[in-house]
């Protein structure tokens, strides 16, 4: 993942996207919505903070 995508993900999500979780995104990880092994791209549209 590029630095630009990581910064955009933090700006978009503001915190972990798992229901009930309020952890800041820089304290977590980025996860693919459609797993990369299944052809999911590493793009902002296919990532979520967790």
PDB file of N, CA and C in Angstrom:
ATOM      1  N   UNK A   1       0.852  -1.163   0.000  1.00  0.00           N
ATOM      2  CA  UNK A   1       0.000   0.000   0.000  1.00  0.00           C
ATOM      3  C   UNK A   1       0.901   1.231   0.000  1.00  0.00           C
ATOM      4  N   UNK A   2       0.491   2.209  -0.744  1.00  0.00           N
ATOM      5  CA  UNK A   2       1.270   3.445  -0.805  1.00  0.00           C
ATOM      6  C   UNK A   2       0.944   4.340   0.389  1.00  0.00           C
ATOM      7  N   UNK A   3       1.839   5.261   0.665  1.00  0.00           N
ATOM      8  CA  UNK A   3       1.611   6.233   1.730  1.00  0.00           C
ATOM      9  C   UNK A   3       0.374   7.064   1.439  1.00  0.00           C
ATOM     10  N   UNK A   4       0.165   7.428   0.189  1.00  0.00           N
ATOM     11  CA  UNK A   4      -1.000   8.235  -0.187  1.00  0.00           C
ATOM     12  C   UNK A   4      -2.305   7.497   0.108  1.00  0.00           C
ATOM     13  N   UNK A   5      -2.371   6.202  -0.195  1.00  0.00           N
ATOM     14  CA  UNK A   5      -3.579   5.428   0.091  1.00  0.00           C
ATOM     15  C   UNK A   5      -3.785   5.321   1.598  1.00  0.00           C
ATOM     16  N   UNK A   6      -2.719   5.068   2.364  1.00  0.00           N
ATOM     17  CA  UNK A   6      -2.822   4.964   3.822  1.00  0.00           C
ATOM     18  C   UNK A   6      -3.352   6.268   4.420  1.00  0.00           C
ATOM     19  N   UNK A   7      -2.832   7.401   3.999  1.00  0.00           N
ATOM     20  CA  UNK A   7      -3.284   8.692   4.521  1.00  0.00           C
ATOM     21  C   UNK A   7      -4.735   8.981   4.129  1.00  0.00           C
ATOM     22  N   UNK A   8      -5.118   8.607   2.921  1.00  0.00           N
ATOM     23  CA  UNK A   8      -6.501   8.793   2.481  1.00  0.00           C
ATOM     24  C   UNK A   8      -7.444   7.887   3.276  1.00  0.00           C
ATOM     25  N   UNK A   9      -7.015   6.673   3.594  1.00  0.00           N
ATOM     26  CA  UNK A   9      -7.820   5.744   4.381  1.00  0.00           C
ATOM     27  C   UNK A   9      -8.049   6.295   5.794  1.00  0.00           C
ATOM     28  N   UNK A  10      -7.002   6.828   6.402  1.00  0.00           N
ATOM     29  CA  UNK A  10      -7.117   7.428   7.730  1.00  0.00           C
ATOM     30  C   UNK A  10      -8.079   8.621   7.686  1.00  0.00           C
ATOM     31  N   UNK A  11      -7.935   9.462   6.690  1.00  0.00           N
ATOM     32  CA  UNK A  11      -8.802  10.638   6.570  1.00  0.00           C
ATOM     33  C   UNK A  11     -10.260  10.230   6.343  1.00  0.00           C
ATOM     34  N   UNK A  12     -10.487   9.190   5.556  1.00  0.00           N
ATOM     35  CA  UNK A  12     -11.853   8.752   5.260  1.00  0.00           C
ATOM     36  C   UNK A  12     -12.509   8.052   6.450  1.00  0.00           C
ATOM     37  N   UNK A  13     -11.822   7.097   7.056  1.00  0.00           N
ATOM     38  CA  UNK A  13     -12.457   6.244   8.056  1.00  0.00           C
ATOM     39  C   UNK A  13     -12.469   6.850   9.461  1.00  0.00           C
ATOM     40  N   UNK A  14     -11.499   7.651   9.819  1.00  0.00           N
ATOM     41  CA  UNK A  14     -11.415   8.325  11.125  1.00  0.00           C
ATOM     42  C   UNK A  14     -11.201   7.384  12.306  1.00  0.00           C
ATOM     43  N   UNK A  15     -11.619   6.133  12.222  1.00  0.00           N
ATOM     44  CA  UNK A  15     -11.414   5.143  13.284  1.00  0.00           C
ATOM     45  C   UNK A  15     -11.664   3.758  12.686  1.00  0.00           C
ATOM     46  N   UNK A  16     -11.409   2.745  13.488  1.00  0.00           N
ATOM     47  CA  UNK A  16     -11.648   1.361  13.060  1.00  0.00           C
ATOM     48  C   UNK A  16     -13.082   1.227  12.561  1.00  0.00           C
ATOM     49  N   UNK A  17     -13.302   0.508  11.478  1.00  0.00           N
ATOM     50  CA  UNK A  17     -14.646   0.369  10.904  1.00  0.00           C
ATOM     51  C   UNK A  17     -15.396  -0.855  11.431  1.00  0.00           C
ATOM     52  N   UNK A  18     -14.759  -1.664  12.278  1.00  0.00           N
ATOM     53  CA  UNK A  18     -15.452  -2.805  12.873  1.00  0.00           C
ATOM     54  C   UNK A  18     -16.535  -2.265  13.798  1.00  0.00           C
ATOM     55  N   UNK A  19     -17.761  -2.779  13.737  1.00  0.00           N
ATOM     56  CA  UNK A  19     -18.857  -2.252  14.560  1.00  0.00           C
ATOM     57  C   UNK A  19     -18.489  -2.179  16.048  1.00  0.00           C
ATOM     58  N   UNK A  20     -18.661  -1.005  16.627  1.00  0.00           N
ATOM     59  CA  UNK A  20     -18.389  -0.774  18.040  1.00  0.00           C
ATOM     60  C   UNK A  20     -16.960  -0.394  18.367  1.00  0.00           C
ATOM     61  N   UNK A  21     -16.056  -0.527  17.423  1.00  0.00           N
ATOM     62  CA  UNK A  21     -14.650  -0.210  17.654  1.00  0.00           C
ATOM     63  C   UNK A  21     -14.399   1.266  17.340  1.00  0.00           C
ATOM     64  N   UNK A  22     -13.733   1.965  18.232  1.00  0.00           N
ATOM     65  CA  UNK A  22     -13.414   3.379  18.015  1.00  0.00           C
ATOM     66  C   UNK A  22     -11.904   3.618  18.018  1.00  0.00           C
ATOM     67  N   UNK A  23     -11.127   2.543  17.846  1.00  0.00           N
ATOM     68  CA  UNK A  23      -9.671   2.674  17.809  1.00  0.00           C
ATOM     69  C   UNK A  23      -9.280   3.539  16.615  1.00  0.00           C
ATOM     70  N   UNK A  24      -8.338   4.424  16.841  1.00  0.00           N
ATOM     71  CA  UNK A  24      -7.865   5.278  15.756  1.00  0.00           C
ATOM     72  C   UNK A  24      -7.218   4.424  14.673  1.00  0.00           C
ATOM     73  N   UNK A  25      -7.371   4.813  13.399  1.00  0.00           N
ATOM     74  CA  UNK A  25      -6.865   3.970  12.311  1.00  0.00           C
ATOM     75  C   UNK A  25      -5.345   3.803  12.321  1.00  0.00           C
ATOM     76  N   UNK A  26      -4.616   4.781  12.867  1.00  0.00           N
ATOM     77  CA  UNK A  26      -3.158   4.626  12.890  1.00  0.00           C
ATOM     78  C   UNK A  26      -2.723   3.640  13.973  1.00  0.00           C
ATOM     79  N   UNK A  27      -3.666   3.166  14.812  1.00  0.00           N
ATOM     80  CA  UNK A  27      -3.376   2.147  15.822  1.00  0.00           C
ATOM     81  C   UNK A  27      -3.814   0.761  15.331  1.00  0.00           C
ATOM     82  N   UNK A  28      -4.311   0.680  14.121  1.00  0.00           N
ATOM     83  CA  UNK A  28      -4.800  -0.587  13.584  1.00  0.00           C
ATOM     84  C   UNK A  28      -4.147  -0.933  12.270  1.00  0.00           C
ATOM     85  N   UNK A  29      -4.891  -1.615  11.448  1.00  0.00           N
ATOM     86  CA  UNK A  29      -4.405  -2.080  10.154  1.00  0.00           C
ATOM     87  C   UNK A  29      -5.419  -1.738   9.075  1.00  0.00           C
ATOM     88  N   UNK A  30      -4.983  -1.853   7.850  1.00  0.00           N
ATOM     89  CA  UNK A  30      -5.882  -1.737   6.707  1.00  0.00           C
ATOM     90  C   UNK A  30      -6.182  -3.153   6.222  1.00  0.00           C
ATOM     91  N   UNK A  31      -7.447  -3.417   5.976  1.00  0.00           N
ATOM     92  CA  UNK A  31      -7.846  -4.738   5.501  1.00  0.00           C
ATOM     93  C   UNK A  31      -8.580  -4.613   4.175  1.00  0.00           C
ATOM     94  N   UNK A  32      -8.327  -5.582   3.294  1.00  0.00           N
ATOM     95  CA  UNK A  32      -9.020  -5.630   2.016  1.00  0.00           C
ATOM     96  C   UNK A  32     -10.453  -6.102   2.227  1.00  0.00           C
ATOM     97  N   UNK A  33     -11.427  -5.445   1.617  1.00  0.00           N
ATOM     98  CA  UNK A  33     -12.819  -5.882   1.661  1.00  0.00           C
ATOM     99  C   UNK A  33     -12.943  -7.172   0.851  1.00  0.00           C
ATOM    100  N   UNK A  34     -12.468  -7.145  -0.370  1.00  0.00           N
ATOM    101  CA  UNK A  34     -12.308  -8.359  -1.184  1.00  0.00           C
ATOM    102  C   UNK A  34     -10.833  -8.725  -1.074  1.00  0.00           C
ATOM    103  N   UNK A  35     -10.559  -9.854  -0.470  1.00  0.00           N
ATOM    104  CA  UNK A  35      -9.186 -10.260  -0.176  1.00  0.00           C
ATOM    105  C   UNK A  35      -8.316 -10.188  -1.425  1.00  0.00           C
ATOM    106  N   UNK A  36      -7.085  -9.731  -1.239  1.00  0.00           N
ATOM    107  CA  UNK A  36      -6.183  -9.590  -2.395  1.00  0.00           C
ATOM    108  C   UNK A  36      -5.913 -10.926  -3.069  1.00  0.00           C
ATOM    109  N   UNK A  37      -5.939 -12.024  -2.311  1.00  0.00           N
ATOM    110  CA  UNK A  37      -5.717 -13.348  -2.901  1.00  0.00           C
ATOM    111  C   UNK A  37      -6.867 -13.755  -3.825  1.00  0.00           C
ATOM    112  N   UNK A  38      -8.018 -13.110  -3.631  1.00  0.00           N
ATOM    113  CA  UNK A  38      -9.173 -13.369  -4.487  1.00  0.00           C
ATOM    114  C   UNK A  38      -9.311 -12.330  -5.587  1.00  0.00           C
ATOM    115  N   UNK A  39      -8.258 -11.558  -5.804  1.00  0.00           N
ATOM    116  CA  UNK A  39      -8.258 -10.574  -6.870  1.00  0.00           C
ATOM    117  C   UNK A  39      -8.654  -9.171  -6.438  1.00  0.00           C
ATOM    118  N   UNK A  40      -8.834  -8.955  -5.132  1.00  0.00           N
ATOM    119  CA  UNK A  40      -9.184  -7.625  -4.647  1.00  0.00           C
ATOM    120  C   UNK A  40      -8.014  -6.670  -4.765  1.00  0.00           C
ATOM    121  N   UNK A  41      -8.246  -5.505  -5.318  1.00  0.00           N
ATOM    122  CA  UNK A  41      -7.149  -4.559  -5.505  1.00  0.00           C
ATOM    123  C   UNK A  41      -6.782  -3.849  -4.199  1.00  0.00           C
ATOM    124  N   UNK A  42      -5.557  -3.394  -4.119  1.00  0.00           N
ATOM    125  CA  UNK A  42      -5.136  -2.545  -3.011  1.00  0.00           C
ATOM    126  C   UNK A  42      -5.433  -1.112  -3.427  1.00  0.00           C
ATOM    127  N   UNK A  43      -6.707  -0.755  -3.265  1.00  0.00           N
ATOM    128  CA  UNK A  43      -7.179   0.586  -3.626  1.00  0.00           C
ATOM    129  C   UNK A  43      -8.046   1.099  -2.478  1.00  0.00           C
ATOM    130  N   UNK A  44      -8.210   2.396  -2.393  1.00  0.00           N
ATOM    131  CA  UNK A  44      -8.988   2.989  -1.323  1.00  0.00           C
ATOM    132  C   UNK A  44     -10.401   2.417  -1.298  1.00  0.00           C
ATOM    133  N   UNK A  45     -10.984   2.164  -2.451  1.00  0.00           N
ATOM    134  CA  UNK A  45     -12.342   1.626  -2.520  1.00  0.00           C
ATOM    135  C   UNK A  45     -12.461   0.221  -1.965  1.00  0.00           C
ATOM    136  N   UNK A  46     -11.350  -0.499  -1.857  1.00  0.00           N
ATOM    137  CA  UNK A  46     -11.380  -1.883  -1.404  1.00  0.00           C
ATOM    138  C   UNK A  46     -10.690  -2.072  -0.047  1.00  0.00           C
ATOM    139  N   UNK A  47     -10.479  -0.986   0.683  1.00  0.00           N
ATOM    140  CA  UNK A  47      -9.815  -1.069   1.982  1.00  0.00           C
ATOM    141  C   UNK A  47     -10.706  -0.540   3.083  1.00  0.00           C
ATOM    142  N   UNK A  48     -10.490  -1.056   4.293  1.00  0.00           N
ATOM    143  CA  UNK A  48     -11.202  -0.569   5.482  1.00  0.00           C
ATOM    144  C   UNK A  48     -10.235  -0.582   6.643  1.00  0.00           C
ATOM    145  N   UNK A  49     -10.346   0.395   7.510  1.00  0.00           N
ATOM    146  CA  UNK A  49      -9.532   0.426   8.726  1.00  0.00           C
ATOM    147  C   UNK A  49     -10.084  -0.575   9.719  1.00  0.00           C
ATOM    148  N   UNK A  50      -9.180  -1.350  10.309  1.00  0.00           N
ATOM    149  CA  UNK A  50      -9.613  -2.341  11.310  1.00  0.00           C
ATOM    150  C   UNK A  50      -8.541  -2.504  12.356  1.00  0.00           C
TER     151      UNK A  50
END
